[in-house]
Amino acid sequence: MLPRPGDLAERMSGIRLPQTFRLPTSAARSKAREIINQLPRGGFISIVENWRQLPDGQIEFTMRHLPTAD
């Protein structure tokens, strides 16, 4: 199967796809803090978005990489 032009453009731009985490509360807090405290690398900054508490008590959140305004 041939890659689509949009897939190639995304891969070449260096943009990484969002990552979703499901962790217990304390581990989620630590992971989110780790992401928030990271310095921008390669022209991108990592942010935490779309978090929610699941019925089993775990926290689900998404980490996204946004371009910095250099």
Protein backbone atom coordinates (compact mmCIF):
# COMPACT_ATOMS: atom_id res chain seq x y z
CA MET A 1 0.00 0.00 0.00
CA LEU A 2 1.36 3.42 -0.95
CA PRO A 3 1.53 6.14 1.69
CA ARG A 4 -0.83 9.09 1.30
CA PRO A 5 0.67 12.53 0.59
CA GLY A 6 -0.61 13.82 3.96
CA ASP A 7 1.14 10.95 5.77
CA LEU A 8 4.42 11.72 4.02
CA ALA A 9 4.14 15.45 4.77
CA GLU A 10 3.45 14.74 8.44
CA ARG A 11 6.38 12.33 8.70
CA MET A 12 8.77 14.77 6.99
CA SER A 13 7.67 17.73 9.12
CA GLY A 14 8.83 15.99 12.29
CA ILE A 15 5.45 16.36 14.01
CA ARG A 16 4.80 13.51 16.41
CA LEU A 17 1.35 12.09 16.98
CA PRO A 18 -0.35 12.61 20.35
CA GLN A 19 0.21 9.95 23.01
CA THR A 20 -2.56 8.80 25.33
CA PHE A 21 -1.83 7.55 28.86
CA ARG A 22 -4.07 5.67 31.35
CA LEU A 23 -2.46 5.61 34.77
CA PRO A 24 -3.40 5.45 38.45
CA THR A 25 -3.84 8.92 39.98
CA SER A 26 -0.39 9.25 41.57
CA ALA A 27 1.44 7.91 38.49
CA ALA A 28 -0.63 10.18 36.20
CA ARG A 29 0.24 13.18 38.36
CA SER A 30 3.96 12.34 38.16
CA LYS A 31 3.88 11.75 34.40
CA ALA A 32 1.96 14.98 33.75
CA ARG A 33 4.42 16.94 35.91
CA GLU A 34 7.32 15.38 33.99
CA ILE A 35 5.76 16.47 30.67
CA ILE A 36 4.99 19.99 31.90
CA ASN A 37 8.55 20.50 33.22
CA GLN A 38 10.24 19.46 29.96
CA LEU A 39 12.09 22.15 28.07
CA PRO A 40 11.15 22.61 24.39
CA ARG A 41 13.18 20.30 22.17
CA GLY A 42 13.59 20.38 18.42
CA GLY A 43 11.24 23.35 18.05
CA PHE A 44 8.37 21.58 19.82
CA ILE A 45 6.91 21.84 23.31
CA SER A 46 4.97 19.02 24.99
CA ILE A 47 1.61 19.79 26.61
CA VAL A 48 -0.99 17.77 28.50
CA GLU A 49 -4.53 17.98 27.17
CA ASN A 50 -7.91 16.21 27.32
CA TRP A 51 -7.59 14.63 30.75
CA ARG A 52 -10.42 12.81 32.53
CA GLN A 53 -10.99 10.42 35.39
CA LEU A 54 -12.23 6.99 34.33
CA PRO A 55 -14.87 5.00 36.28
CA ASP A 56 -12.14 2.70 37.65
CA GLY A 57 -10.35 5.71 39.18
CA GLN A 58 -7.52 5.91 36.65
CA ILE A 59 -6.66 9.16 34.88
CA GLU A 60 -6.56 9.27 31.09
CA PHE A 61 -4.78 12.14 29.36
CA THR A 62 -3.22 13.02 26.03
CA MET A 63 0.24 14.47 25.48
CA ARG A 64 0.58 16.59 22.36
CA HIS A 65 3.63 18.22 20.78
CA LEU A 66 3.11 21.79 19.55
CA PRO A 67 5.57 23.93 17.58
CA THR A 68 7.21 26.70 19.57
CA ALA A 69 7.07 30.31 18.44
CA ASP A 70 10.76 30.80 17.67
